[in-house]
C-alpha atoms as a PDB file:
ATOM      1  CA  MET A   1     -29.599  -1.017 -27.016  1.00  0.00           C
ATOM      2  CA  GLN A   2     -31.835  -0.351 -24.008  1.00  0.00           C
ATOM      3  CA  TYR A   3     -31.745  -2.393 -20.791  1.00  0.00           C
ATOM      4  CA  ARG A   4     -32.510  -1.800 -17.118  1.00  0.00           C
ATOM      5  CA  ASP A   5     -34.158   1.318 -15.872  1.00  0.00           C
ATOM      6  CA  GLY A   6     -34.239   2.869 -19.377  1.00  0.00           C
ATOM      7  CA  MET A   7     -30.453   3.005 -19.469  1.00  0.00           C
ATOM      8  CA  ARG A   8     -28.786   2.226 -22.748  1.00  0.00           C
ATOM      9  CA  ILE A   9     -25.543   0.601 -23.847  1.00  0.00           C
ATOM     10  CA  ALA A  10     -23.569   2.224 -26.605  1.00  0.00           C
ATOM     11  CA  PRO A  11     -21.874  -0.688 -28.356  1.00  0.00           C
ATOM     12  CA  ARG A  12     -19.475   1.263 -30.567  1.00  0.00           C
ATOM     13  CA  PRO A  13     -17.258   2.701 -27.732  1.00  0.00           C
ATOM     14  CA  ILE A  14     -17.257  -0.702 -25.998  1.00  0.00           C
ATOM     15  CA  LEU A  15     -16.212  -2.565 -29.126  1.00  0.00           C
ATOM     16  CA  ALA A  16     -13.545   0.052 -29.890  1.00  0.00           C
ATOM     17  CA  PHE A  17     -12.207  -0.177 -26.332  1.00  0.00           C
ATOM     18  CA  LEU A  18     -11.952  -3.968 -26.468  1.00  0.00           C
ATOM     19  CA  ALA A  19     -10.340  -3.955 -29.875  1.00  0.00           C
ATOM     20  CA  ILE A  20      -7.636  -1.505 -28.735  1.00  0.00           C
ATOM     21  CA  ALA A  21      -7.046  -3.108 -25.329  1.00  0.00           C
ATOM     22  CA  PHE A  22      -6.750  -6.617 -26.702  1.00  0.00           C
ATOM     23  CA  GLY A  23      -4.815  -5.583 -29.806  1.00  0.00           C
ATOM     24  CA  LEU A  24      -2.260  -3.697 -27.832  1.00  0.00           C
ATOM     25  CA  ALA A  25      -1.890  -6.500 -25.261  1.00  0.00           C
ATOM     26  CA  TRP A  26      -1.034  -8.979 -28.089  1.00  0.00           C
ATOM     27  CA  LEU A  27       1.258  -6.452 -29.755  1.00  0.00           C
ATOM     28  CA  PHE A  28       3.197  -5.780 -26.537  1.00  0.00           C
ATOM     29  CA  ALA A  29       3.477  -9.585 -25.893  1.00  0.00           C
ATOM     30  CA  LEU A  30       4.802 -10.316 -29.377  1.00  0.00           C
ATOM     31  CA  PRO A  31       8.531 -10.168 -28.363  1.00  0.00           C
ATOM     32  CA  LEU A  32       7.829 -12.988 -25.855  1.00  0.00           C
ATOM     33  CA  TRP A  33       6.088 -15.060 -28.454  1.00  0.00           C
ATOM     34  CA  LEU A  34       8.966 -14.549 -30.919  1.00  0.00           C
ATOM     35  CA  GLY A  35      11.566 -15.141 -28.230  1.00  0.00           C
ATOM     36  CA  ASP A  36      11.892 -17.199 -25.021  1.00  0.00           C
ATOM     37  CA  GLY A  37       8.349 -16.824 -23.740  1.00  0.00           C
ATOM     38  CA  VAL A  38       7.992 -16.384 -19.969  1.00  0.00           C
ATOM     39  CA  ALA A  39      11.698 -17.320 -19.620  1.00  0.00           C
ATOM     40  CA  SER A  40      12.593 -14.069 -21.390  1.00  0.00           C
ATOM     41  CA  PRO A  41      14.412 -11.423 -19.384  1.00  0.00           C
ATOM     42  CA  TRP A  42      11.924  -8.964 -20.885  1.00  0.00           C
ATOM     43  CA  LEU A  43       8.965 -10.614 -19.172  1.00  0.00           C
ATOM     44  CA  THR A  44       8.622  -8.049 -16.379  1.00  0.00           C
ATOM     45  CA  ALA A  45       8.911  -5.100 -18.749  1.00  0.00           C
ATOM     46  CA  VAL A  46       6.399  -6.670 -21.161  1.00  0.00           C
ATOM     47  CA  ALA A  47       3.955  -7.398 -18.318  1.00  0.00           C
ATOM     48  CA  LEU A  48       4.167  -3.815 -17.003  1.00  0.00           C
ATOM     49  CA  ALA A  49       3.736  -2.414 -20.450  1.00  0.00           C
ATOM     50  CA  THR A  50       0.736  -4.647 -21.096  1.00  0.00           C
ATOM     51  CA  MET A  51      -0.922  -3.396 -17.929  1.00  0.00           C
ATOM     52  CA  THR A  52      -1.140   0.061 -19.469  1.00  0.00           C
ATOM     53  CA  THR A  53      -3.206  -1.085 -22.432  1.00  0.00           C
ATOM     54  CA  PRO A  54      -6.714  -0.908 -20.841  1.00  0.00           C
ATOM     55  CA  ALA A  55      -5.975   2.707 -19.734  1.00  0.00           C
ATOM     56  CA  LEU A  56      -4.713   3.616 -23.199  1.00  0.00           C
ATOM     57  CA  ALA A  57      -7.785   2.066 -24.744  1.00  0.00           C
ATOM     58  CA  ALA A  58     -10.129   3.907 -22.401  1.00  0.00           C
ATOM     59  CA  PHE A  59      -8.351   7.237 -22.930  1.00  0.00           C
ATOM     60  CA  ILE A  60      -8.559   6.850 -26.708  1.00  0.00           C
ATOM     61  CA  VAL A  61     -12.280   5.950 -26.642  1.00  0.00           C
ATOM     62  CA  VAL A  62     -13.165   8.716 -24.174  1.00  0.00           C
ATOM     63  CA  ARG A  63     -11.083  11.328 -26.015  1.00  0.00           C
ATOM     64  CA  PHE A  64     -12.066  10.549 -29.597  1.00  0.00           C
ATOM     65  CA  ILE A  65     -15.419   8.706 -29.470  1.00  0.00           C
ATOM     66  CA  GLU A  66     -17.347   9.705 -26.415  1.00  0.00           C
ATOM     67  CA  ARG A  67     -15.883  13.222 -25.944  1.00  0.00           C
ATOM     68  CA  PRO A  68     -17.439  13.913 -22.512  1.00  0.00           C
ATOM     69  CA  ALA A  69     -17.169  17.245 -20.746  1.00  0.00           C
ATOM     70  CA  SER A  70     -14.717  15.759 -18.212  1.00  0.00           C
ATOM     71  CA  LEU A  71     -12.205  13.050 -19.098  1.00  0.00           C
ATOM     72  CA  THR A  72     -11.241  12.436 -15.483  1.00  0.00           C
ATOM     73  CA  ARG A  73     -14.918  11.890 -14.470  1.00  0.00           C
ATOM     74  CA  ALA A  74     -15.468   9.512 -17.424  1.00  0.00           C
ATOM     75  CA  LEU A  75     -12.530   7.423 -16.254  1.00  0.00           C
ATOM     76  CA  GLY A  76     -13.527   7.458 -12.579  1.00  0.00           C
ATOM     77  CA  LEU A  77     -10.552   9.503 -11.409  1.00  0.00           C
ATOM     78  CA  ARG A  78     -12.824  12.055  -9.831  1.00  0.00           C
ATOM     79  CA  PRO A  79     -14.836  13.105  -7.870  1.00  0.00           C
ATOM     80  CA  LEU A  80     -13.270  11.623  -4.785  1.00  0.00           C
ATOM     81  CA  GLY A  81     -16.319  12.242  -2.593  1.00  0.00           C
ATOM     82  CA  ARG A  82     -16.309  12.967   1.145  1.00  0.00           C
ATOM     83  CA  PRO A  83     -12.778  12.588   2.567  1.00  0.00           C
ATOM     84  CA  ARG A  84     -13.687  10.125   5.401  1.00  0.00           C
ATOM     85  CA  ARG A  85     -15.780   7.956   3.115  1.00  0.00           C
ATOM     86  CA  PHE A  86     -13.042   7.966   0.420  1.00  0.00           C
ATOM     87  CA  VAL A  87     -10.342   7.062   2.952  1.00  0.00           C
ATOM     88  CA  GLY A  88     -12.559   4.294   4.283  1.00  0.00           C
ATOM     89  CA  PHE A  89     -12.916   2.729   0.866  1.00  0.00           C
ATOM     90  CA  LEU A  90      -9.131   3.037   0.329  1.00  0.00           C
ATOM     91  CA  ALA A  91      -8.650   1.090   3.580  1.00  0.00           C
ATOM     92  CA  LEU A  92     -10.985  -1.572   2.424  1.00  0.00           C
ATOM     93  CA  GLY A  93      -9.116  -1.651  -0.887  1.00  0.00           C
ATOM     94  CA  LEU A  94      -5.937  -2.340   0.976  1.00  0.00           C
ATOM     95  CA  VAL A  95      -7.218  -4.960   3.475  1.00  0.00           C
ATOM     96  CA  ILE A  96      -9.844  -6.981   1.568  1.00  0.00           C
ATOM     97  CA  PRO A  97      -7.530  -8.370  -1.154  1.00  0.00           C
ATOM     98  CA  ILE A  98      -5.019  -9.495   1.437  1.00  0.00           C
ATOM     99  CA  ALA A  99      -7.784 -11.261   3.325  1.00  0.00           C
ATOM    100  CA  VAL A 100      -8.984 -12.855   0.079  1.00  0.00           C
ATOM    101  CA  VAL A 101      -5.537 -14.242  -0.731  1.00  0.00           C
ATOM    102  CA  VAL A 102      -5.002 -15.600   2.841  1.00  0.00           C
ATOM    103  CA  THR A 103      -8.461 -17.157   3.103  1.00  0.00           C
ATOM    104  CA  ALA A 104      -7.896 -18.812  -0.328  1.00  0.00           C
ATOM    105  CA  LEU A 105      -4.903 -20.670   1.216  1.00  0.00           C
ATOM    106  CA  ILE A 106      -7.046 -21.699   4.217  1.00  0.00           C
ATOM    107  CA  VAL A 107      -9.870 -22.976   2.014  1.00  0.00           C
ATOM    108  CA  GLY A 108      -7.366 -24.818  -0.203  1.00  0.00           C
ATOM    109  CA  ALA A 109      -5.781 -26.444   2.843  1.00  0.00           C
ATOM    110  CA  LEU A 110      -9.192 -27.498   4.181  1.00  0.00           C
ATOM    111  CA  LEU A 111     -10.071 -29.025   0.790  1.00  0.00           C
ATOM    112  CA  GLY A 112      -6.711 -30.769   0.521  1.00  0.00           C
ATOM    113  CA  VAL A 113      -5.329 -28.998  -2.545  1.00  0.00           C
ATOM    114  CA  TYR A 114      -2.899 -26.700  -0.722  1.00  0.00           C
ATOM    115  CA  HIS A 115      -0.331 -27.966   1.803  1.00  0.00           C
ATOM    116  CA  PRO A 116       1.013 -25.238   4.086  1.00  0.00           C
ATOM    117  CA  ASP A 117       4.285 -25.396   5.959  1.00  0.00           C
ATOM    118  CA  LEU A 118       4.038 -22.953   8.869  1.00  0.00           C
ATOM    119  CA  VAL A 119       7.071 -24.226  10.639  1.00  0.00           C
ATOM    120  CA  GLU A 120       9.949 -24.570   8.213  1.00  0.00           C
ATOM    121  CA  PHE A 121       8.423 -22.508   5.373  1.00  0.00           C
ATOM    122  CA  SER A 122      10.172 -24.995   3.155  1.00  0.00           C
ATOM    123  CA  ALA A 123       9.042 -23.741  -0.293  1.00  0.00           C
ATOM    124  CA  PHE A 124       9.935 -20.150   0.626  1.00  0.00           C
ATOM    125  CA  ARG A 125      13.256 -21.288   2.092  1.00  0.00           C
ATOM    126  CA  GLU A 126      14.116 -23.094  -1.170  1.00  0.00           C
ATOM    127  CA  LEU A 127      13.168 -20.068  -3.247  1.00  0.00           C
ATOM    128  CA  VAL A 128      15.158 -17.572  -1.235  1.00  0.00           C
ATOM    129  CA  THR A 129      18.186 -19.940  -1.035  1.00  0.00           C
ATOM    130  CA  ALA A 130      18.155 -20.391  -4.789  1.00  0.00           C
ATOM    131  CA  GLN A 131      17.927 -16.601  -5.354  1.00  0.00           C
ATOM    132  CA  LEU A 132      20.778 -15.937  -2.932  1.00  0.00           C
ATOM    133  CA  ALA A 133      22.912 -18.724  -4.506  1.00  0.00           C
ATOM    134  CA  ALA A 134      22.395 -17.036  -7.926  1.00  0.00           C
ATOM    135  CA  ALA A 135      23.718 -13.851  -6.329  1.00  0.00           C
ATOM    136  CA  GLY A 136      26.729 -15.609  -4.852  1.00  0.00           C
ATOM    137  CA  VAL A 137      25.461 -15.691  -1.227  1.00  0.00           C
ATOM    138  CA  ASP A 138      25.728 -19.038   0.539  1.00  0.00           C
ATOM    139  CA  ALA A 139      23.532 -18.580   3.633  1.00  0.00           C
ATOM    140  CA  LEU A 140      20.292 -16.916   4.641  1.00  0.00           C
ATOM    141  CA  PRO A 141      20.983 -13.435   6.098  1.00  0.00           C
ATOM    142  CA  MET A 142      18.513 -14.022   8.955  1.00  0.00           C
ATOM    143  CA  PRO A 143      16.259 -16.801  10.329  1.00  0.00           C
ATOM    144  CA  ILE A 144      13.587 -17.962   7.895  1.00  0.00           C
ATOM    145  CA  GLY A 145      10.838 -16.878  10.335  1.00  0.00           C
ATOM    146  CA  THR A 146      12.195 -13.347  10.313  1.00  0.00           C
ATOM    147  CA  LEU A 147      12.255 -13.359   6.521  1.00  0.00           C
ATOM    148  CA  VAL A 148       8.625 -14.469   6.462  1.00  0.00           C
ATOM    149  CA  ALA A 149       7.653 -11.703   8.871  1.00  0.00           C
ATOM    150  CA  VAL A 150       9.465  -9.138   6.700  1.00  0.00           C
ATOM    151  CA  GLN A 151       7.691 -10.519   3.654  1.00  0.00           C
ATOM    152  CA  CYS A 152       4.267 -10.144   5.329  1.00  0.00           C
ATOM    153  CA  VAL A 153       4.965  -6.608   6.485  1.00  0.00           C
ATOM    154  CA  ALA A 154       6.240  -5.683   3.030  1.00  0.00           C
ATOM    155  CA  VAL A 155       2.852  -6.478   1.510  1.00  0.00           C
ATOM    156  CA  ALA A 156       1.448  -3.101   2.569  1.00  0.00           C
ATOM    157  CA  GLY A 157       4.346  -1.184   0.974  1.00  0.00           C
ATOM    158  CA  GLY A 158       4.164  -3.398  -2.071  1.00  0.00           C
ATOM    159  CA  ALA A 159       0.487  -2.590  -2.401  1.00  0.00           C
ATOM    160  CA  LEU A 160       1.214   1.145  -2.643  1.00  0.00           C
ATOM    161  CA  VAL A 161       3.926   0.574  -5.198  1.00  0.00           C
ATOM    162  CA  ASN A 162       1.862  -1.826  -7.276  1.00  0.00           C
ATOM    163  CA  THR A 163      -1.002   0.601  -7.366  1.00  0.00           C
ATOM    164  CA  ILE A 164       0.790   2.647  -9.998  1.00  0.00           C
ATOM    165  CA  PRO A 165       0.891  -0.093 -12.701  1.00  0.00           C
ATOM    166  CA  ALA A 166      -2.441  -1.555 -11.434  1.00  0.00           C
ATOM    167  CA  LEU A 167      -4.072   1.798 -12.244  1.00  0.00           C
ATOM    168  CA  GLY A 168      -3.326   1.091 -15.883  1.00  0.00           C
ATOM    169  CA  GLU A 169      -5.731  -1.823 -15.788  1.00  0.00           C
ATOM    170  CA  GLU A 170      -8.309  -0.383 -13.405  1.00  0.00           C
ATOM    171  CA  LEU A 171      -8.853   2.733 -15.486  1.00  0.00           C
ATOM    172  CA  GLY A 172      -9.975   0.487 -18.262  1.00  0.00           C
ATOM    173  CA  TRP A 173     -11.827  -2.386 -16.579  1.00  0.00           C
ATOM    174  CA  ARG A 174     -13.437  -0.774 -13.548  1.00  0.00           C
ATOM    175  CA  GLY A 175     -12.940   2.949 -14.278  1.00  0.00           C
ATOM    176  CA  TRP A 176     -14.460   2.892 -17.760  1.00  0.00           C
ATOM    177  CA  LEU A 177     -15.939  -0.488 -18.798  1.00  0.00           C
ATOM    178  CA  LEU A 178     -17.873  -1.645 -15.733  1.00  0.00           C
ATOM    179  CA  PRO A 179     -20.165   1.428 -15.445  1.00  0.00           C
ATOM    180  CA  ARG A 180     -21.007   1.113 -19.137  1.00  0.00           C
ATOM    181  CA  LEU A 181     -22.051  -2.473 -18.687  1.00  0.00           C
ATOM    182  CA  LEU A 182     -24.306  -1.738 -15.705  1.00  0.00           C
ATOM    183  CA  PRO A 183     -27.470  -1.364 -17.829  1.00  0.00           C
ATOM    184  CA  LEU A 184     -27.250  -5.145 -18.150  1.00  0.00           C
ATOM    185  CA  GLY A 185     -27.714  -5.402 -14.384  1.00  0.00           C
ATOM    186  CA  PRO A 186     -25.067  -5.855 -11.651  1.00  0.00           C
ATOM    187  CA  VAL A 187     -24.611  -9.643 -12.052  1.00  0.00           C
ATOM    188  CA  PRO A 188     -24.314  -9.678 -15.843  1.00  0.00           C
ATOM    189  CA  ALA A 189     -22.014  -6.635 -15.660  1.00  0.00           C
ATOM    190  CA  ILE A 190     -19.780  -8.376 -13.104  1.00  0.00           C
ATOM    191  CA  LEU A 191     -19.633 -11.597 -15.096  1.00  0.00           C
ATOM    192  CA  ALA A 192     -19.017  -9.898 -18.400  1.00  0.00           C
ATOM    193  CA  SER A 193     -16.342  -7.490 -17.239  1.00  0.00           C
ATOM    194  CA  GLY A 194     -14.587 -10.167 -15.201  1.00  0.00           C
ATOM    195  CA  ALA A 195     -14.541 -12.655 -18.026  1.00  0.00           C
ATOM    196  CA  ILE A 196     -13.240  -9.975 -20.472  1.00  0.00           C
ATOM    197  CA  TRP A 197     -10.557  -8.985 -17.979  1.00  0.00           C
ATOM    198  CA  GLY A 198      -9.451 -12.650 -17.645  1.00  0.00           C
ATOM    199  CA  LEU A 199      -9.487 -13.296 -21.367  1.00  0.00           C
ATOM    200  CA  TRP A 200      -7.350 -10.139 -21.899  1.00  0.00           C
ATOM    201  CA  HIS A 201      -4.551 -11.928 -20.041  1.00  0.00           C
ATOM    202  CA  SER A 202      -4.365 -14.588 -22.792  1.00  0.00           C
ATOM    203  CA  PRO A 203      -1.136 -13.362 -24.500  1.00  0.00           C
ATOM    204  CA  LEU A 204       0.863 -14.174 -21.354  1.00  0.00           C
ATOM    205  CA  VAL A 205      -1.237 -17.000 -19.868  1.00  0.00           C
ATOM    206  CA  LEU A 206      -0.993 -18.990 -23.114  1.00  0.00           C
ATOM    207  CA  LEU A 207       2.826 -18.851 -22.675  1.00  0.00           C
ATOM    208  CA  GLY A 208       2.506 -20.371 -19.206  1.00  0.00           C
ATOM    209  CA  TYR A 209       2.227 -17.252 -17.097  1.00  0.00           C
ATOM    210  CA  ASN A 210       0.505 -18.001 -13.728  1.00  0.00           C
ATOM    211  CA  TYR A 211      -0.381 -21.549 -14.805  1.00  0.00           C
ATOM    212  CA  PRO A 212       2.922 -23.025 -16.053  1.00  0.00           C
ATOM    213  CA  GLU A 213       1.919 -26.703 -15.949  1.00  0.00           C
ATOM    214  CA  ALA A 214      -1.610 -26.307 -17.336  1.00  0.00           C
ATOM    215  CA  PRO A 215      -2.713 -26.523 -20.994  1.00  0.00           C
ATOM    216  CA  GLY A 216      -3.135 -23.016 -22.435  1.00  0.00           C
ATOM    217  CA  TRP A 217      -6.955 -23.276 -22.725  1.00  0.00           C
ATOM    218  CA  LEU A 218      -7.231 -24.400 -19.103  1.00  0.00           C
ATOM    219  CA  GLY A 219      -5.025 -21.548 -17.928  1.00  0.00           C
ATOM    220  CA  VAL A 220      -7.116 -18.987 -19.766  1.00  0.00           C
ATOM    221  CA  LEU A 221     -10.357 -20.444 -18.332  1.00  0.00           C
ATOM    222  CA  ALA A 222      -8.861 -20.386 -14.825  1.00  0.00           C
ATOM    223  CA  MET A 223      -7.763 -16.824 -15.295  1.00  0.00           C
ATOM    224  CA  MET A 224     -11.217 -15.850 -16.418  1.00  0.00           C
ATOM    225  CA  GLY A 225     -12.720 -17.548 -13.327  1.00  0.00           C
ATOM    226  CA  MET A 226     -10.352 -15.796 -10.985  1.00  0.00           C
ATOM    227  CA  CYS A 227     -10.809 -12.375 -12.606  1.00  0.00           C
ATOM    228  CA  THR A 228     -14.617 -12.746 -12.420  1.00  0.00           C
ATOM    229  CA  ALA A 229     -14.664 -13.574  -8.733  1.00  0.00           C
ATOM    230  CA  VAL A 230     -11.978 -11.024  -7.657  1.00  0.00           C
ATOM    231  CA  GLY A 231     -13.109  -8.432 -10.188  1.00  0.00           C
ATOM    232  CA  GLY A 232     -16.524  -8.426  -8.565  1.00  0.00           C
ATOM    233  CA  VAL A 233     -14.950  -7.203  -5.300  1.00  0.00           C
ATOM    234  CA  PHE A 234     -12.924  -4.607  -7.175  1.00  0.00           C
ATOM    235  CA  GLY A 235     -16.091  -3.514  -8.969  1.00  0.00           C
ATOM    236  CA  TRP A 236     -17.964  -3.059  -5.697  1.00  0.00           C
ATOM    237  CA  LEU A 237     -15.191  -0.793  -4.439  1.00  0.00           C
ATOM    238  CA  ARG A 238     -15.296   1.279  -7.587  1.00  0.00           C
ATOM    239  CA  LEU A 239     -19.066   1.640  -7.790  1.00  0.00           C
ATOM    240  CA  ARG A 240     -19.729   2.238  -4.083  1.00  0.00           C
ATOM    241  CA  SER A 241     -16.906   4.749  -3.757  1.00  0.00           C
ATOM    242  CA  GLY A 242     -17.692   6.419  -7.103  1.00  0.00           C
ATOM    243  CA  SER A 243     -13.932   6.422  -7.782  1.00  0.00           C
ATOM    244  CA  VAL A 244     -11.428   4.158  -9.468  1.00  0.00           C
ATOM    245  CA  TRP A 245      -8.758   4.749  -6.818  1.00  0.00           C
ATOM    246  CA  PRO A 246      -9.977   2.212  -4.243  1.00  0.00           C
ATOM    247  CA  SER A 247     -10.121  -0.534  -6.861  1.00  0.00           C
ATOM    248  CA  ALA A 248      -6.637   0.445  -8.093  1.00  0.00           C
ATOM    249  CA  LEU A 249      -5.247   0.151  -4.591  1.00  0.00           C
ATOM    250  CA  ALA A 250      -7.116  -3.168  -4.208  1.00  0.00           C
ATOM    251  CA  HIS A 251      -5.518  -4.411  -7.405  1.00  0.00           C
ATOM    252  CA  GLY A 252      -2.104  -3.368  -6.121  1.00  0.00           C
ATOM    253  CA  SER A 253      -2.699  -4.980  -2.801  1.00  0.00           C
ATOM    254  CA  PHE A 254      -3.882  -8.152  -4.439  1.00  0.00           C
ATOM    255  CA  ASN A 255      -0.711  -8.380  -6.577  1.00  0.00           C
ATOM    256  CA  ALA A 256       1.508  -7.689  -3.559  1.00  0.00           C
ATOM    257  CA  ALA A 257      -0.184 -10.389  -1.454  1.00  0.00           C
ATOM    258  CA  ALA A 258      -0.282 -13.051  -4.199  1.00  0.00           C
ATOM    259  CA  GLY A 259       3.253 -14.167  -3.350  1.00  0.00           C
ATOM    260  CA  LEU A 260       2.142 -15.274   0.113  1.00  0.00           C
ATOM    261  CA  SER A 261       1.017 -18.565  -1.461  1.00  0.00           C
ATOM    262  CA  VAL A 262       4.663 -19.523  -1.921  1.00  0.00           C
ATOM    263  CA  VAL A 263       5.726 -18.127   1.481  1.00  0.00           C
ATOM    264  CA  PHE A 264       3.425 -20.501   3.371  1.00  0.00           C
ATOM    265  CA  SER A 265       3.648 -23.504   1.005  1.00  0.00           C
ATOM    266  CA  SER A 266       5.353 -26.872   1.581  1.00  0.00           C
ATOM    267  CA  SER A 267       8.155 -27.789  -0.859  1.00  0.00           C
ATOM    268  CA  SER A 268       7.266 -31.447  -0.543  1.00  0.00           C
ATOM    269  CA  HIS A 269       3.730 -30.857  -1.853  1.00  0.00           C
ATOM    270  CA  PRO A 270       3.813 -28.423  -4.827  1.00  0.00           C
ATOM    271  CA  PHE A 271       0.403 -26.915  -5.452  1.00  0.00           C
ATOM    272  CA  ASP A 272      -1.507 -26.763  -8.723  1.00  0.00           C
ATOM    273  CA  PRO A 273      -2.480 -23.088  -9.335  1.00  0.00           C
ATOM    274  CA  THR A 274      -5.621 -24.203 -11.254  1.00  0.00           C
ATOM    275  CA  GLN A 275      -6.879 -25.645  -7.986  1.00  0.00           C
ATOM    276  CA  ALA A 276      -5.057 -23.959  -5.091  1.00  0.00           C
ATOM    277  CA  THR A 277      -4.373 -20.354  -4.031  1.00  0.00           C
ATOM    278  CA  VAL A 278      -6.442 -17.445  -5.258  1.00  0.00           C
ATOM    279  CA  LEU A 279      -5.579 -18.417  -8.857  1.00  0.00           C
ATOM    280  CA  GLY A 280      -7.388 -21.726  -8.522  1.00  0.00           C
ATOM    281  CA  TRP A 281     -11.018 -22.656  -8.054  1.00  0.00           C
ATOM    282  CA  THR A 282     -10.741 -23.047  -4.312  1.00  0.00           C
ATOM    283  CA  GLY A 283      -9.597 -19.492  -4.123  1.00  0.00           C
ATOM    284  CA  TRP A 284     -12.628 -18.152  -5.906  1.00  0.00           C
ATOM    285  CA  ILE A 285     -15.072 -19.377  -3.316  1.00  0.00           C
ATOM    286  CA  VAL A 286     -14.607 -16.594  -0.760  1.00  0.00           C
ATOM    287  CA  PRO A 287     -14.681 -13.620  -3.192  1.00  0.00           C
ATOM    288  CA  ALA A 288     -17.651 -15.224  -5.040  1.00  0.00           C
ATOM    289  CA  VAL A 289     -19.575 -15.454  -1.777  1.00  0.00           C
ATOM    290  CA  ILE A 290     -18.698 -11.831  -0.925  1.00  0.00           C
ATOM    291  CA  VAL A 291     -19.978 -10.649  -4.284  1.00  0.00           C
ATOM    292  CA  ALA A 292     -23.104 -12.788  -3.981  1.00  0.00           C
ATOM    293  CA  VAL A 293     -23.874 -11.240  -0.604  1.00  0.00           C
ATOM    294  CA  LEU A 294     -23.267  -7.736  -1.899  1.00  0.00           C
ATOM    295  CA  VAL A 295     -25.555  -8.272  -4.823  1.00  0.00           C
ATOM    296  CA  ALA A 296     -28.303  -9.904  -2.700  1.00  0.00           C
ATOM    297  CA  THR A 297     -28.233  -7.038  -0.242  1.00  0.00           C
ATOM    298  CA  GLY A 298     -28.333  -4.349  -2.998  1.00  0.00           C
ATOM    299  CA  LYS A 299     -24.823  -3.033  -2.246  1.00  0.00           C
ATOM    300  CA  PHE A 300     -23.989  -2.707  -5.948  1.00  0.00           C
ATOM    301  CA  ARG A 301     -25.053   0.530  -7.549  1.00  0.00           C
ATOM    302  CA  ALA A 302     -24.179   2.664 -10.542  1.00  0.00           C
ATOM    303  CA  PRO A 303     -22.310   5.906 -10.116  1.00  0.00           C
ATOM    304  CA  SER A 304     -24.286   8.965  -9.393  1.00  0.00           C
ATOM    305  CA  PRO A 305     -26.386  10.214 -12.355  1.00  0.00           C
ATOM    306  CA  THR A 306     -24.307  13.390 -12.323  1.00  0.00           C
ATOM    307  CA  THR A 307     -21.223  11.473 -13.404  1.00  0.00           C
ATOM    308  CA  GLU A 308     -20.233  10.753 -16.951  1.00  0.00           C
ATOM    309  CA  GLY A 309     -20.628   6.949 -16.994  1.00  0.00           C
ATOM    310  CA  PRO A 310     -24.447   6.575 -16.806  1.00  0.00           C
ATOM    311  CA  ALA A 311     -25.002   9.585 -19.042  1.00  0.00           C
ATOM    312  CA  ILE A 312     -22.840   7.926 -21.685  1.00  0.00           C
ATOM    313  CA  ALA A 313     -24.633   4.635 -21.177  1.00  0.00           C
ATOM    314  CA  ARG A 314     -27.970   6.286 -21.897  1.00  0.00           C
ATOM    315  CA  GLU A 315     -26.849   7.721 -25.237  1.00  0.00           C
ATOM    316  CA  ALA A 316     -28.160   6.034 -28.339  1.00  0.00           C
ATOM    317  CA  LEU A 317     -25.650   4.976 -30.939  1.00  0.00           C
END
């Protein structure tokens, strides 16, 4: 199939990738479906294992279907480019997701769907108190304000740690899939890859993950919306840097910062994640605007023609 600028999409590798990524995600989530769902003590292990499935799918397709000269280039692991430019994109990958998460709370507060508590930090206090009580500790070890400050500072360290499992997703969605959808054009590629990424979360979201009070169908749609908006930012980092590493760090930073929504929330006004925080529609506004500006100003581009992605996209199948 031929699209923009004479580039072509090879459907067979894409369909194989999706079948493997989605099939393994459902397979890994099966113990939760047969057990206690998101209340299972295996939830974290299952979630981490599931995050590897896009990378596994991409590796299998590249190794056995595409067979490029360089597997690492085909997955976006290299080249890294000029050091200063590469480090600059890594810095953006660290900072932008945190800004997106925080501005989502501000927008939600302005629109009345998120109620912050910046004095008592009541929701965070209740959460920490409950966790300490479960461990047999009766009182907070330090003032709540200090705990909040520690939590904020820990986001940077958490971003680095979270980059390791996040790379499992990014190798598939941004490292491999997004460049192969670019013949459709930047906007369709962003929309398609984001919607697919969100839908891939279905095995856990349908059990109540991220959207515990929402009907399953609404949770899946909300996840698709969030992944489309945020995935566009991750995609820009991947395409402009020519590497998957900035988007992997951005994904890790995003996951580390997501908990700030509870840190600053009021316990007397619980928020609906389909509406508030970056998970809800008010949180998609800022990343959607960022992506719209980047597209309008021509800041999205395919990797260099010397890399594997576009060469593969031009192949007929």
